[in-house]
Amino acid sequence: MKNKHKTLVFTIALALCFPAGAACQGMPVYDNTNFVSLVKSLVESAKQTANLVKTVNFLKAQKENIEKVNSVVQDLKAVREIGRNNQRLIAVMQNDLRDILNSPYIKSEEVSRVSESFSDVVDNSLETASFIDEILSSDHLKMSDAERAEVLKQKELESKEMVTDVRLKTKRYREIISFREMQDRINNRETGF
């Protein structure tokens, strides 16, 4: 009986020590299946996070590649425009300059001045072409893509200015020829008096 009594006192003391909520719910039970599924979901989340990090790095690399390609495309457009402007200069030199120099209204002492003014433009154009070739093909200048694009844009503008300059010179010489031709007609007209 002493044992029963001790057990009963021990049980009552134990019941009084627990809070009311725990006494009603019972003892918590460890569930191994929930823990395993939690670990599996954490492992899967880690894999997905690693894949997302790889994807982000890949996308950053692709963005840089696209920017490089975009820069190269802009460089090519600028180079193409400079090439077109040089072709325009050559066309003016071949056609218009020949007409101007072969005109009977351009004096022989003016031929050298006209030739020199146009040859300066051609020399400048050739220097620009060689400088662009050096920029695009040589690494000793150590230029970034942005700096290279800026230089090419500047050279493109200079090229456009050269074309405009040549057109203005051509127009001015044509006007001189036209004026001298009109002057010659007036001076050598036949009078019917």
C-alpha atoms as a PDB file:
ATOM      1  CA  MET A   1       0.000   0.000   0.000  1.00  0.00           C
ATOM      2  CA  LYS A   2       2.871   2.215   0.604  1.00  0.00           C
ATOM      3  CA  ASN A   3       3.805   1.777  -3.022  1.00  0.00           C
ATOM      4  CA  LYS A   4       0.303   2.661  -4.168  1.00  0.00           C
ATOM      5  CA  HIS A   5       0.274   5.652  -1.974  1.00  0.00           C
ATOM      6  CA  LYS A   6       3.654   6.861  -3.231  1.00  0.00           C
ATOM      7  CA  THR A   7       2.565   6.362  -6.809  1.00  0.00           C
ATOM      8  CA  LEU A   8      -0.653   8.286  -6.249  1.00  0.00           C
ATOM      9  CA  VAL A   9       1.142  11.224  -4.599  1.00  0.00           C
ATOM     10  CA  PHE A  10       3.734  11.250  -7.321  1.00  0.00           C
ATOM     11  CA  THR A  11       1.041  11.268 -10.037  1.00  0.00           C
ATOM     12  CA  ILE A  12      -0.884  14.130  -8.400  1.00  0.00           C
ATOM     13  CA  ALA A  13       2.307  16.161  -7.948  1.00  0.00           C
ATOM     14  CA  LEU A  14       3.203  15.589 -11.528  1.00  0.00           C
ATOM     15  CA  ALA A  15      -0.264  16.629 -12.720  1.00  0.00           C
ATOM     16  CA  LEU A  16      -0.086  19.824 -10.686  1.00  0.00           C
ATOM     17  CA  CYS A  17       3.315  20.740 -12.148  1.00  0.00           C
ATOM     18  CA  PHE A  18       2.087  20.739 -15.754  1.00  0.00           C
ATOM     19  CA  PRO A  19       0.216  23.782 -17.032  1.00  0.00           C
ATOM     20  CA  ALA A  20      -3.436  23.389 -17.823  1.00  0.00           C
ATOM     21  CA  GLY A  21      -2.992  23.406 -21.638  1.00  0.00           C
ATOM     22  CA  ALA A  22      -0.353  20.710 -21.646  1.00  0.00           C
ATOM     23  CA  ALA A  23      -2.360  18.525 -19.371  1.00  0.00           C
ATOM     24  CA  CYS A  24      -5.305  18.666 -21.743  1.00  0.00           C
ATOM     25  CA  GLN A  25      -3.393  18.105 -24.948  1.00  0.00           C
ATOM     26  CA  GLY A  26      -1.128  15.413 -23.826  1.00  0.00           C
ATOM     27  CA  MET A  27       2.561  15.012 -24.473  1.00  0.00           C
ATOM     28  CA  PRO A  28       4.019  16.166 -27.819  1.00  0.00           C
ATOM     29  CA  VAL A  29       5.012  13.380 -30.121  1.00  0.00           C
ATOM     30  CA  TYR A  30       8.034  13.435 -32.435  1.00  0.00           C
ATOM     31  CA  ASP A  31       6.916  12.798 -36.053  1.00  0.00           C
ATOM     32  CA  ASN A  32       9.808  11.602 -38.219  1.00  0.00           C
ATOM     33  CA  THR A  33       7.916  11.942 -41.564  1.00  0.00           C
ATOM     34  CA  ASN A  34       7.402  15.714 -41.123  1.00  0.00           C
ATOM     35  CA  PHE A  35      11.111  16.181 -40.433  1.00  0.00           C
ATOM     36  CA  VAL A  36      12.112  14.182 -43.521  1.00  0.00           C
ATOM     37  CA  SER A  37       9.769  16.167 -45.790  1.00  0.00           C
ATOM     38  CA  LEU A  38      11.090  19.426 -44.278  1.00  0.00           C
ATOM     39  CA  VAL A  39      14.675  18.394 -45.042  1.00  0.00           C
ATOM     40  CA  LYS A  40      13.677  17.363 -48.562  1.00  0.00           C
ATOM     41  CA  SER A  41      11.984  20.732 -49.187  1.00  0.00           C
ATOM     42  CA  LEU A  42      15.032  22.590 -47.815  1.00  0.00           C
ATOM     43  CA  VAL A  43      17.344  20.618 -50.099  1.00  0.00           C
ATOM     44  CA  GLU A  44      15.064  21.317 -53.059  1.00  0.00           C
ATOM     45  CA  SER A  45      14.965  25.032 -52.163  1.00  0.00           C
ATOM     46  CA  ALA A  46      18.763  25.103 -51.998  1.00  0.00           C
ATOM     47  CA  LYS A  47      18.965  23.512 -55.470  1.00  0.00           C
ATOM     48  CA  GLN A  48      16.483  26.028 -56.864  1.00  0.00           C
ATOM     49  CA  THR A  49      18.392  28.903 -55.258  1.00  0.00           C
ATOM     50  CA  ALA A  50      21.657  27.632 -56.730  1.00  0.00           C
ATOM     51  CA  ASN A  51      19.982  27.382 -60.157  1.00  0.00           C
ATOM     52  CA  LEU A  52      18.613  30.912 -59.772  1.00  0.00           C
ATOM     53  CA  VAL A  53      22.079  32.219 -58.899  1.00  0.00           C
ATOM     54  CA  LYS A  54      23.505  30.467 -61.966  1.00  0.00           C
ATOM     55  CA  THR A  55      20.701  31.926 -64.109  1.00  0.00           C
ATOM     56  CA  VAL A  56      21.332  35.425 -62.754  1.00  0.00           C
ATOM     57  CA  ASN A  57      25.060  35.127 -63.479  1.00  0.00           C
ATOM     58  CA  PHE A  58      24.316  33.813 -66.965  1.00  0.00           C
ATOM     59  CA  LEU A  59      21.904  36.685 -67.617  1.00  0.00           C
ATOM     60  CA  LYS A  60      24.466  39.222 -66.402  1.00  0.00           C
ATOM     61  CA  ALA A  61      27.040  37.743 -68.771  1.00  0.00           C
ATOM     62  CA  GLN A  62      24.544  37.828 -71.629  1.00  0.00           C
ATOM     63  CA  LYS A  63      23.683  41.442 -70.835  1.00  0.00           C
ATOM     64  CA  GLU A  64      27.382  42.335 -71.017  1.00  0.00           C
ATOM     65  CA  ASN A  65      27.671  40.444 -74.306  1.00  0.00           C
ATOM     66  CA  ILE A  66      24.647  42.277 -75.696  1.00  0.00           C
ATOM     67  CA  GLU A  67      26.156  45.599 -74.628  1.00  0.00           C
ATOM     68  CA  LYS A  68      29.422  44.660 -76.326  1.00  0.00           C
ATOM     69  CA  VAL A  69      27.584  43.619 -79.486  1.00  0.00           C
ATOM     70  CA  ASN A  70      25.545  46.814 -79.355  1.00  0.00           C
ATOM     71  CA  SER A  71      28.747  48.803 -79.020  1.00  0.00           C
ATOM     72  CA  VAL A  72      30.293  46.924 -81.930  1.00  0.00           C
ATOM     73  CA  VAL A  73      27.162  47.530 -84.013  1.00  0.00           C
ATOM     74  CA  GLN A  74      27.330  51.243 -83.219  1.00  0.00           C
ATOM     75  CA  ASP A  75      31.027  51.208 -84.114  1.00  0.00           C
ATOM     76  CA  LEU A  76      30.218  49.466 -87.386  1.00  0.00           C
ATOM     77  CA  LYS A  77      27.493  51.985 -88.177  1.00  0.00           C
ATOM     78  CA  ALA A  78      29.890  54.844 -87.533  1.00  0.00           C
ATOM     79  CA  VAL A  79      32.600  53.172 -89.626  1.00  0.00           C
ATOM     80  CA  ARG A  80      30.099  52.469 -92.399  1.00  0.00           C
ATOM     81  CA  GLU A  81      28.979  56.116 -92.385  1.00  0.00           C
ATOM     82  CA  ILE A  82      32.593  57.296 -92.511  1.00  0.00           C
ATOM     83  CA  GLY A  83      33.163  54.921 -95.434  1.00  0.00           C
ATOM     84  CA  ARG A  84      30.127  56.330 -97.234  1.00  0.00           C
ATOM     85  CA  ASN A  85      31.365  59.860 -96.660  1.00  0.00           C
ATOM     86  CA  ASN A  86      34.770  58.908 -98.059  1.00  0.00           C
ATOM     87  CA  GLN A  87      33.040  57.404-101.110  1.00  0.00           C
ATOM     88  CA  ARG A  88      31.139  60.679-101.558  1.00  0.00           C
ATOM     89  CA  LEU A  89      34.428  62.572-101.375  1.00  0.00           C
ATOM     90  CA  ILE A  90      35.963  60.274-103.974  1.00  0.00           C
ATOM     91  CA  ALA A  91      32.945  60.691-106.244  1.00  0.00           C
ATOM     92  CA  VAL A  92      33.166  64.472-105.948  1.00  0.00           C
ATOM     93  CA  MET A  93      36.881  64.346-106.606  1.00  0.00           C
ATOM     94  CA  GLN A  94      36.465  62.120-109.667  1.00  0.00           C
ATOM     95  CA  ASN A  95      33.560  63.924-111.274  1.00  0.00           C
ATOM     96  CA  ASP A  96      33.159  67.474-110.079  1.00  0.00           C
ATOM     97  CA  LEU A  97      36.826  68.301-109.606  1.00  0.00           C
ATOM     98  CA  ARG A  98      37.639  67.042-113.106  1.00  0.00           C
ATOM     99  CA  ASP A  99      34.871  69.251-114.528  1.00  0.00           C
ATOM    100  CA  ILE A 100      36.121  72.245-112.556  1.00  0.00           C
ATOM    101  CA  LEU A 101      39.754  71.785-113.534  1.00  0.00           C
ATOM    102  CA  ASN A 102      38.900  71.179-117.208  1.00  0.00           C
ATOM    103  CA  SER A 103      36.766  74.293-117.409  1.00  0.00           C
ATOM    104  CA  PRO A 104      38.153  76.989-119.704  1.00  0.00           C
ATOM    105  CA  TYR A 105      37.044  79.569-117.152  1.00  0.00           C
ATOM    106  CA  ILE A 106      39.486  78.395-114.465  1.00  0.00           C
ATOM    107  CA  LYS A 107      42.811  80.124-114.962  1.00  0.00           C
ATOM    108  CA  SER A 108      46.000  78.084-115.002  1.00  0.00           C
ATOM    109  CA  GLU A 109      47.306  79.712-111.816  1.00  0.00           C
ATOM    110  CA  GLU A 110      44.054  78.777-110.044  1.00  0.00           C
ATOM    111  CA  VAL A 111      44.303  75.094-110.932  1.00  0.00           C
ATOM    112  CA  SER A 112      47.006  74.461-108.344  1.00  0.00           C
ATOM    113  CA  ARG A 113      45.038  76.277-105.609  1.00  0.00           C
ATOM    114  CA  VAL A 114      41.896  74.281-106.421  1.00  0.00           C
ATOM    115  CA  SER A 115      43.870  71.040-106.471  1.00  0.00           C
ATOM    116  CA  GLU A 116      45.565  71.841-103.161  1.00  0.00           C
ATOM    117  CA  SER A 117      42.310  72.704-101.409  1.00  0.00           C
ATOM    118  CA  PHE A 118      40.766  69.419-102.491  1.00  0.00           C
ATOM    119  CA  SER A 119      43.916  67.381-101.815  1.00  0.00           C
ATOM    120  CA  ASP A 120      43.961  68.671 -98.218  1.00  0.00           C
ATOM    121  CA  VAL A 121      40.486  67.229 -97.751  1.00  0.00           C
ATOM    122  CA  VAL A 122      41.538  63.925 -99.302  1.00  0.00           C
ATOM    123  CA  ASP A 123      44.632  63.742 -97.081  1.00  0.00           C
ATOM    124  CA  ASN A 124      42.500  64.395 -94.020  1.00  0.00           C
ATOM    125  CA  SER A 125      40.083  61.701 -95.150  1.00  0.00           C
ATOM    126  CA  LEU A 126      42.913  59.180 -95.585  1.00  0.00           C
ATOM    127  CA  GLU A 127      44.328  60.049 -92.151  1.00  0.00           C
ATOM    128  CA  THR A 128      40.884  59.499 -90.633  1.00  0.00           C
ATOM    129  CA  ALA A 129      40.596  56.113 -92.345  1.00  0.00           C
ATOM    130  CA  SER A 130      44.009  54.985 -91.103  1.00  0.00           C
ATOM    131  CA  PHE A 131      43.258  56.258 -87.581  1.00  0.00           C
ATOM    132  CA  ILE A 132      39.979  54.323 -87.531  1.00  0.00           C
ATOM    133  CA  ASP A 133      41.777  51.217 -88.738  1.00  0.00           C
ATOM    134  CA  GLU A 134      44.287  51.652 -85.916  1.00  0.00           C
ATOM    135  CA  ILE A 135      41.518  52.144 -83.324  1.00  0.00           C
ATOM    136  CA  LEU A 136      39.628  49.049 -84.401  1.00  0.00           C
ATOM    137  CA  SER A 137      42.545  46.706 -84.940  1.00  0.00           C
ATOM    138  CA  SER A 138      45.150  47.692 -82.361  1.00  0.00           C
ATOM    139  CA  ASP A 139      45.065  47.191 -78.617  1.00  0.00           C
ATOM    140  CA  HIS A 140      47.997  49.478 -77.850  1.00  0.00           C
ATOM    141  CA  LEU A 141      45.600  52.407 -77.448  1.00  0.00           C
ATOM    142  CA  LYS A 142      43.831  50.541 -74.605  1.00  0.00           C
ATOM    143  CA  MET A 143      40.478  52.187 -75.172  1.00  0.00           C
ATOM    144  CA  SER A 144      37.229  51.016 -73.668  1.00  0.00           C
ATOM    145  CA  ASP A 145      34.260  50.378 -75.933  1.00  0.00           C
ATOM    146  CA  ALA A 146      32.629  53.624 -74.823  1.00  0.00           C
ATOM    147  CA  GLU A 147      35.769  55.636 -75.575  1.00  0.00           C
ATOM    148  CA  ARG A 148      36.160  53.905 -78.931  1.00  0.00           C
ATOM    149  CA  ALA A 149      32.519  54.638 -79.810  1.00  0.00           C
ATOM    150  CA  GLU A 150      32.981  58.284 -78.801  1.00  0.00           C
ATOM    151  CA  VAL A 151      36.065  58.656 -80.997  1.00  0.00           C
ATOM    152  CA  LEU A 152      34.292  57.005 -83.924  1.00  0.00           C
ATOM    153  CA  LYS A 153      31.286  59.321 -83.509  1.00  0.00           C
ATOM    154  CA  GLN A 154      33.642  62.291 -83.490  1.00  0.00           C
ATOM    155  CA  LYS A 155      35.376  61.040 -86.631  1.00  0.00           C
ATOM    156  CA  GLU A 156      31.981  60.453 -88.240  1.00  0.00           C
ATOM    157  CA  LEU A 157      31.044  64.077 -87.564  1.00  0.00           C
ATOM    158  CA  GLU A 158      34.393  65.239 -88.948  1.00  0.00           C
ATOM    159  CA  SER A 159      33.765  63.122 -92.026  1.00  0.00           C
ATOM    160  CA  LYS A 160      30.346  64.693 -92.523  1.00  0.00           C
ATOM    161  CA  GLU A 161      31.922  68.130 -92.152  1.00  0.00           C
ATOM    162  CA  MET A 162      34.495  67.229 -94.822  1.00  0.00           C
ATOM    163  CA  VAL A 163      31.726  66.181 -97.205  1.00  0.00           C
ATOM    164  CA  THR A 164      29.895  69.434 -96.524  1.00  0.00           C
ATOM    165  CA  ASP A 165      33.128  71.391 -96.990  1.00  0.00           C
ATOM    166  CA  VAL A 166      33.828  69.695-100.325  1.00  0.00           C
ATOM    167  CA  ARG A 167      30.281  70.329-101.509  1.00  0.00           C
ATOM    168  CA  LEU A 168      30.556  74.001-100.557  1.00  0.00           C
ATOM    169  CA  LYS A 169      33.911  74.313-102.334  1.00  0.00           C
ATOM    170  CA  THR A 170      32.498  72.585-105.395  1.00  0.00           C
ATOM    171  CA  LYS A 171      29.469  74.862-105.364  1.00  0.00           C
ATOM    172  CA  ARG A 172      31.694  77.940-104.968  1.00  0.00           C
ATOM    173  CA  TYR A 173      33.931  76.925-107.886  1.00  0.00           C
ATOM    174  CA  ARG A 174      30.906  76.141-110.042  1.00  0.00           C
ATOM    175  CA  GLU A 175      29.509  79.576-109.250  1.00  0.00           C
ATOM    176  CA  ILE A 176      32.847  81.151-110.185  1.00  0.00           C
ATOM    177  CA  ILE A 177      32.805  79.218-113.465  1.00  0.00           C
ATOM    178  CA  SER A 178      29.200  80.218-114.089  1.00  0.00           C
ATOM    179  CA  PHE A 179      29.970  83.866-113.344  1.00  0.00           C
ATOM    180  CA  ARG A 180      33.014  83.879-115.638  1.00  0.00           C
ATOM    181  CA  GLU A 181      31.045  82.163-118.384  1.00  0.00           C
ATOM    182  CA  MET A 182      28.328  84.789-118.121  1.00  0.00           C
ATOM    183  CA  GLN A 183      30.980  87.520-118.068  1.00  0.00           C
ATOM    184  CA  ASP A 184      32.574  86.032-121.188  1.00  0.00           C
ATOM    185  CA  ARG A 185      29.243  85.947-123.004  1.00  0.00           C
ATOM    186  CA  ILE A 186      28.570  89.554-122.106  1.00  0.00           C
ATOM    187  CA  ASN A 187      32.048  90.697-123.153  1.00  0.00           C
ATOM    188  CA  ASN A 188      32.064  88.745-126.413  1.00  0.00           C
ATOM    189  CA  ARG A 189      28.502  89.241-127.525  1.00  0.00           C
ATOM    190  CA  GLU A 190      27.886  90.489-130.962  1.00  0.00           C
ATOM    191  CA  THR A 191      26.224  93.836-131.211  1.00  0.00           C
ATOM    192  CA  GLY A 192      23.800  94.504-133.963  1.00  0.00           C
ATOM    193  CA  PHE A 193      24.255  98.289-134.110  1.00  0.00           C
END
